[in-house]
Amino acid sequence: MSDNALSLLRAIAWLPTSSPALSAPLLDWLLEEDSMTKRFERHCGKVTVEPQFEGFVTADDIAEELPFLPLEPRYWLREIILSGDGVPWLAGRTVVPESTLEGPEMMLSQLGTRPLGRYLFSSSTLTRDFIDPGISAALWGRRSRLRLSGKPLLLTELFLPAAPLYQSLSGEPSE
């Protein structure tokens, strides 16, 4: 599941927020400004993270993300599967320029099984430049450029089939 989910995440086709494919309930999830981890926690007892890859990569490894980040020799790449009560709900990919990892932001390279949202949304210096919605193999996703103390990182998320987002689209109670 995880390899396939990460492949689908890398293949997301980005859409304008005005796309007719994007309903109001869908946009409510995809344009969430707060922590997705926190939102998921309203739907389960426990959110867990299983890292799939963490390490430095070169610009060649992040060609899709490169237009949204400064050109640098190395980037920290973290790919994870986030689960709610043990069920995979989201595949995530975070790309962090090496220069962003200075000072307190060095913690971004040491998250391990800690959700990114718990770290990011505890910072008073967090800002978000944009959120782009997208789709890959009938699964919805989003891409955000965030900044900590003005320093950028790019987060891409793909909502897996069991994610609460899809329950809210089918008319089932979601919150």
C-alpha atoms as a PDB file:
ATOM      1  CA  MET A   1       0.000   0.000   0.000  1.00  0.00           C
ATOM      2  CA  SER A   2       2.654   2.537   1.000  1.00  0.00           C
ATOM      3  CA  ASP A   3       4.724   2.315  -2.222  1.00  0.00           C
ATOM      4  CA  ASN A   4       1.578   2.590  -4.323  1.00  0.00           C
ATOM      5  CA  ALA A   5       0.246   5.476  -2.203  1.00  0.00           C
ATOM      6  CA  LEU A   6       3.510   7.394  -2.543  1.00  0.00           C
ATOM      7  CA  SER A   7       3.554   6.771  -6.310  1.00  0.00           C
ATOM      8  CA  LEU A   8       0.018   8.145  -6.557  1.00  0.00           C
ATOM      9  CA  LEU A   9       1.030  11.125  -4.415  1.00  0.00           C
ATOM     10  CA  ARG A  10       3.865  11.936  -6.829  1.00  0.00           C
ATOM     11  CA  ALA A  11       1.395  11.746  -9.766  1.00  0.00           C
ATOM     12  CA  ILE A  12      -1.193  14.250  -8.505  1.00  0.00           C
ATOM     13  CA  ALA A  13      -2.681  16.457 -11.230  1.00  0.00           C
ATOM     14  CA  TRP A  14      -3.155  19.960  -9.813  1.00  0.00           C
ATOM     15  CA  LEU A  15      -6.432  21.819 -10.263  1.00  0.00           C
ATOM     16  CA  PRO A  16      -7.478  25.441  -9.807  1.00  0.00           C
ATOM     17  CA  THR A  17      -9.723  25.945  -6.767  1.00  0.00           C
ATOM     18  CA  SER A  18     -12.387  27.102  -9.234  1.00  0.00           C
ATOM     19  CA  SER A  19     -12.528  23.654 -10.901  1.00  0.00           C
ATOM     20  CA  PRO A  20     -16.106  22.303 -11.122  1.00  0.00           C
ATOM     21  CA  ALA A  21     -14.758  18.950  -9.852  1.00  0.00           C
ATOM     22  CA  LEU A  22     -14.216  20.545  -6.430  1.00  0.00           C
ATOM     23  CA  SER A  23     -17.402  20.554  -4.349  1.00  0.00           C
ATOM     24  CA  ALA A  24     -17.824  22.667  -1.213  1.00  0.00           C
ATOM     25  CA  PRO A  25     -17.458  19.645   1.159  1.00  0.00           C
ATOM     26  CA  LEU A  26     -14.297  18.607  -0.698  1.00  0.00           C
ATOM     27  CA  LEU A  27     -12.823  22.106  -0.577  1.00  0.00           C
ATOM     28  CA  ASP A  28     -13.606  22.220   3.143  1.00  0.00           C
ATOM     29  CA  TRP A  29     -11.059  19.409   3.564  1.00  0.00           C
ATOM     30  CA  LEU A  30      -8.553  20.326   0.860  1.00  0.00           C
ATOM     31  CA  LEU A  31      -8.279  23.988   1.841  1.00  0.00           C
ATOM     32  CA  GLU A  32      -8.042  23.283   5.591  1.00  0.00           C
ATOM     33  CA  GLU A  33      -5.774  25.984   7.026  1.00  0.00           C
ATOM     34  CA  ASP A  34      -5.266  24.323  10.405  1.00  0.00           C
ATOM     35  CA  SER A  35      -3.403  21.094  11.129  1.00  0.00           C
ATOM     36  CA  MET A  36      -4.731  18.085   9.184  1.00  0.00           C
ATOM     37  CA  THR A  37      -3.428  15.919  12.045  1.00  0.00           C
ATOM     38  CA  LYS A  38      -5.673  17.827  14.430  1.00  0.00           C
ATOM     39  CA  ARG A  39      -8.643  17.444  12.090  1.00  0.00           C
ATOM     40  CA  PHE A  40      -8.010  13.705  11.757  1.00  0.00           C
ATOM     41  CA  GLU A  41      -7.878  13.390  15.549  1.00  0.00           C
ATOM     42  CA  ARG A  42     -11.556  14.369  15.647  1.00  0.00           C
ATOM     43  CA  HIS A  43     -12.301  11.170  13.702  1.00  0.00           C
ATOM     44  CA  CYS A  44     -10.287   8.577  15.615  1.00  0.00           C
ATOM     45  CA  GLY A  45      -8.719   7.671  18.923  1.00  0.00           C
ATOM     46  CA  LYS A  46      -5.090   7.878  17.796  1.00  0.00           C
ATOM     47  CA  VAL A  47      -3.179   9.296  14.830  1.00  0.00           C
ATOM     48  CA  THR A  48       0.134   7.580  14.065  1.00  0.00           C
ATOM     49  CA  VAL A  49       2.905   8.183  11.538  1.00  0.00           C
ATOM     50  CA  GLU A  50       4.957   5.531   9.779  1.00  0.00           C
ATOM     51  CA  PRO A  51       7.989   7.074   8.057  1.00  0.00           C
ATOM     52  CA  GLN A  52       8.675   5.552   4.624  1.00  0.00           C
ATOM     53  CA  PHE A  53      11.766   7.620   3.831  1.00  0.00           C
ATOM     54  CA  GLU A  54      13.716  10.342   5.598  1.00  0.00           C
ATOM     55  CA  GLY A  55      16.972  11.758   4.322  1.00  0.00           C
ATOM     56  CA  PHE A  56      18.778  14.288   2.191  1.00  0.00           C
ATOM     57  CA  VAL A  57      18.210  14.282  -1.563  1.00  0.00           C
ATOM     58  CA  THR A  58      19.347  16.466  -4.465  1.00  0.00           C
ATOM     59  CA  ALA A  59      17.373  18.795  -6.708  1.00  0.00           C
ATOM     60  CA  ASP A  60      17.085  15.976  -9.280  1.00  0.00           C
ATOM     61  CA  ASP A  61      15.065  13.955  -6.749  1.00  0.00           C
ATOM     62  CA  ILE A  62      12.504  16.709  -6.221  1.00  0.00           C
ATOM     63  CA  ALA A  63      12.008  17.981  -9.792  1.00  0.00           C
ATOM     64  CA  GLU A  64       8.234  18.406  -9.328  1.00  0.00           C
ATOM     65  CA  GLU A  65       8.652  20.489  -6.168  1.00  0.00           C
ATOM     66  CA  LEU A  66      11.672  22.523  -7.293  1.00  0.00           C
ATOM     67  CA  PRO A  67       9.715  25.431  -8.847  1.00  0.00           C
ATOM     68  CA  PHE A  68       8.272  26.192  -5.384  1.00  0.00           C
ATOM     69  CA  LEU A  69      11.544  26.138  -3.435  1.00  0.00           C
ATOM     70  CA  PRO A  70      14.912  27.897  -3.593  1.00  0.00           C
ATOM     71  CA  LEU A  71      17.617  26.100  -5.546  1.00  0.00           C
ATOM     72  CA  GLU A  72      20.014  24.440  -3.118  1.00  0.00           C
ATOM     73  CA  PRO A  73      22.506  21.542  -3.183  1.00  0.00           C
ATOM     74  CA  ARG A  74      20.415  19.397  -0.792  1.00  0.00           C
ATOM     75  CA  TYR A  75      16.867  19.035   0.506  1.00  0.00           C
ATOM     76  CA  TRP A  76      15.464  17.045   3.409  1.00  0.00           C
ATOM     77  CA  LEU A  77      12.806  14.645   2.128  1.00  0.00           C
ATOM     78  CA  ARG A  78      10.321  12.933   4.419  1.00  0.00           C
ATOM     79  CA  GLU A  79       7.675  10.555   3.101  1.00  0.00           C
ATOM     80  CA  ILE A  80       5.152   9.092   5.528  1.00  0.00           C
ATOM     81  CA  ILE A  81       1.896   7.205   5.873  1.00  0.00           C
ATOM     82  CA  LEU A  82      -0.402   8.742   8.487  1.00  0.00           C
ATOM     83  CA  SER A  83      -3.024   6.439  10.006  1.00  0.00           C
ATOM     84  CA  GLY A  84      -6.098   6.895  12.147  1.00  0.00           C
ATOM     85  CA  ASP A  85      -6.561   4.006  14.610  1.00  0.00           C
ATOM     86  CA  GLY A  86      -4.151   1.915  12.526  1.00  0.00           C
ATOM     87  CA  VAL A  87      -5.928   2.526   9.182  1.00  0.00           C
ATOM     88  CA  PRO A  88      -3.872   4.417   6.538  1.00  0.00           C
ATOM     89  CA  TRP A  89      -5.566   7.761   5.850  1.00  0.00           C
ATOM     90  CA  LEU A  90      -2.913   9.914   4.210  1.00  0.00           C
ATOM     91  CA  ALA A  91       0.355   9.701   2.313  1.00  0.00           C
ATOM     92  CA  GLY A  92       2.563  12.730   2.931  1.00  0.00           C
ATOM     93  CA  ARG A  93       5.714  14.111   1.336  1.00  0.00           C
ATOM     94  CA  THR A  94       7.610  17.029   2.846  1.00  0.00           C
ATOM     95  CA  VAL A  95      10.502  18.718   1.032  1.00  0.00           C
ATOM     96  CA  VAL A  96      12.621  21.083   3.101  1.00  0.00           C
ATOM     97  CA  PRO A  97      15.520  23.111   1.655  1.00  0.00           C
ATOM     98  CA  GLU A  98      18.680  22.542   3.687  1.00  0.00           C
ATOM     99  CA  SER A  99      18.834  26.266   4.531  1.00  0.00           C
ATOM    100  CA  THR A 100      15.415  25.981   6.237  1.00  0.00           C
ATOM    101  CA  LEU A 101      16.949  23.482   8.694  1.00  0.00           C
ATOM    102  CA  GLU A 102      18.893  26.157  10.573  1.00  0.00           C
ATOM    103  CA  GLY A 103      18.101  27.027  14.171  1.00  0.00           C
ATOM    104  CA  PRO A 104      14.955  25.554  15.753  1.00  0.00           C
ATOM    105  CA  GLU A 105      13.747  24.362  12.333  1.00  0.00           C
ATOM    106  CA  MET A 106      16.440  21.636  12.487  1.00  0.00           C
ATOM    107  CA  MET A 107      13.687  19.659  14.279  1.00  0.00           C
ATOM    108  CA  LEU A 108      12.058  19.121  10.867  1.00  0.00           C
ATOM    109  CA  SER A 109      14.775  16.552  10.154  1.00  0.00           C
ATOM    110  CA  GLN A 110      14.217  14.780  13.475  1.00  0.00           C
ATOM    111  CA  LEU A 111      10.460  14.163  13.554  1.00  0.00           C
ATOM    112  CA  GLY A 112      10.577  10.374  13.224  1.00  0.00           C
ATOM    113  CA  THR A 113       7.075   9.103  14.057  1.00  0.00           C
ATOM    114  CA  ARG A 114       5.838  12.507  15.247  1.00  0.00           C
ATOM    115  CA  PRO A 115       3.239  14.093  12.920  1.00  0.00           C
ATOM    116  CA  LEU A 116       4.526  17.125  11.033  1.00  0.00           C
ATOM    117  CA  GLY A 117       1.369  19.065  11.985  1.00  0.00           C
ATOM    118  CA  ARG A 118       2.140  18.750  15.690  1.00  0.00           C
ATOM    119  CA  TYR A 119       5.466  20.462  15.121  1.00  0.00           C
ATOM    120  CA  LEU A 120       4.380  23.050  12.545  1.00  0.00           C
ATOM    121  CA  PHE A 121       1.231  24.245  14.253  1.00  0.00           C
ATOM    122  CA  SER A 122       2.971  24.683  17.611  1.00  0.00           C
ATOM    123  CA  SER A 123       5.119  27.425  16.043  1.00  0.00           C
ATOM    124  CA  SER A 124       4.069  31.052  16.253  1.00  0.00           C
ATOM    125  CA  THR A 125       6.168  31.748  13.142  1.00  0.00           C
ATOM    126  CA  LEU A 126       4.152  29.462  10.781  1.00  0.00           C
ATOM    127  CA  THR A 127       2.633  31.005   7.655  1.00  0.00           C
ATOM    128  CA  ARG A 128       1.148  29.406   4.527  1.00  0.00           C
ATOM    129  CA  ASP A 129       1.700  30.810   1.026  1.00  0.00           C
ATOM    130  CA  PHE A 130      -0.857  28.696  -0.836  1.00  0.00           C
ATOM    131  CA  ILE A 131      -2.827  25.434  -1.023  1.00  0.00           C
ATOM    132  CA  ASP A 132      -3.289  23.711  -4.395  1.00  0.00           C
ATOM    133  CA  PRO A 133      -5.922  20.940  -4.650  1.00  0.00           C
ATOM    134  CA  GLY A 134      -5.350  17.957  -6.915  1.00  0.00           C
ATOM    135  CA  ILE A 135      -6.385  14.441  -7.866  1.00  0.00           C
ATOM    136  CA  SER A 136      -4.601  11.157  -8.593  1.00  0.00           C
ATOM    137  CA  ALA A 137      -6.420   7.923  -9.512  1.00  0.00           C
ATOM    138  CA  ALA A 138      -9.718   9.181  -8.001  1.00  0.00           C
ATOM    139  CA  LEU A 139      -7.941  10.140  -4.753  1.00  0.00           C
ATOM    140  CA  TRP A 140      -7.820  13.761  -3.638  1.00  0.00           C
ATOM    141  CA  GLY A 141      -4.699  15.573  -2.538  1.00  0.00           C
ATOM    142  CA  ARG A 142      -3.253  18.965  -1.823  1.00  0.00           C
ATOM    143  CA  ARG A 143       0.052  20.811  -1.921  1.00  0.00           C
ATOM    144  CA  SER A 144       1.046  23.667   0.412  1.00  0.00           C
ATOM    145  CA  ARG A 145       4.067  25.861   0.732  1.00  0.00           C
ATOM    146  CA  LEU A 146       4.529  26.711   4.385  1.00  0.00           C
ATOM    147  CA  ARG A 147       7.091  28.946   6.046  1.00  0.00           C
ATOM    148  CA  LEU A 148       8.653  28.767   9.476  1.00  0.00           C
ATOM    149  CA  SER A 149      10.342  32.031  10.429  1.00  0.00           C
ATOM    150  CA  GLY A 150      10.005  32.948   6.746  1.00  0.00           C
ATOM    151  CA  LYS A 151      11.874  29.806   5.603  1.00  0.00           C
ATOM    152  CA  PRO A 152       9.995  27.591   3.086  1.00  0.00           C
ATOM    153  CA  LEU A 153       9.022  23.934   2.961  1.00  0.00           C
ATOM    154  CA  LEU A 154       6.634  22.144   0.631  1.00  0.00           C
ATOM    155  CA  LEU A 155       4.079  19.638   1.882  1.00  0.00           C
ATOM    156  CA  THR A 156       2.102  17.340  -0.435  1.00  0.00           C
ATOM    157  CA  GLU A 157      -0.675  15.150   0.956  1.00  0.00           C
ATOM    158  CA  LEU A 158      -2.796  12.441  -0.672  1.00  0.00           C
ATOM    159  CA  PHE A 159      -5.969  11.317   1.097  1.00  0.00           C
ATOM    160  CA  LEU A 160      -6.125   7.518   0.986  1.00  0.00           C
ATOM    161  CA  PRO A 161      -9.451   5.658   0.413  1.00  0.00           C
ATOM    162  CA  ALA A 162     -10.275   5.158   4.131  1.00  0.00           C
ATOM    163  CA  ALA A 163      -9.714   8.854   5.028  1.00  0.00           C
ATOM    164  CA  PRO A 164     -12.647  10.650   6.678  1.00  0.00           C
ATOM    165  CA  LEU A 165     -12.677  13.117   3.777  1.00  0.00           C
ATOM    166  CA  TYR A 166     -14.419  10.503   1.610  1.00  0.00           C
ATOM    167  CA  GLN A 167     -17.048   9.772   4.274  1.00  0.00           C
ATOM    168  CA  SER A 168     -17.945  13.459   4.310  1.00  0.00           C
ATOM    169  CA  LEU A 169     -18.367  13.368   0.518  1.00  0.00           C
ATOM    170  CA  SER A 170     -20.693  10.347   0.628  1.00  0.00           C
ATOM    171  CA  GLY A 171     -23.103  12.108   2.950  1.00  0.00           C
ATOM    172  CA  GLU A 172     -22.139  10.187   6.079  1.00  0.00           C
ATOM    173  CA  PRO A 173     -21.677  12.227   9.250  1.00  0.00           C
ATOM    174  CA  SER A 174     -18.092  13.443   9.339  1.00  0.00           C
ATOM    175  CA  GLU A 175     -17.740  15.665  12.400  1.00  0.00           C
END
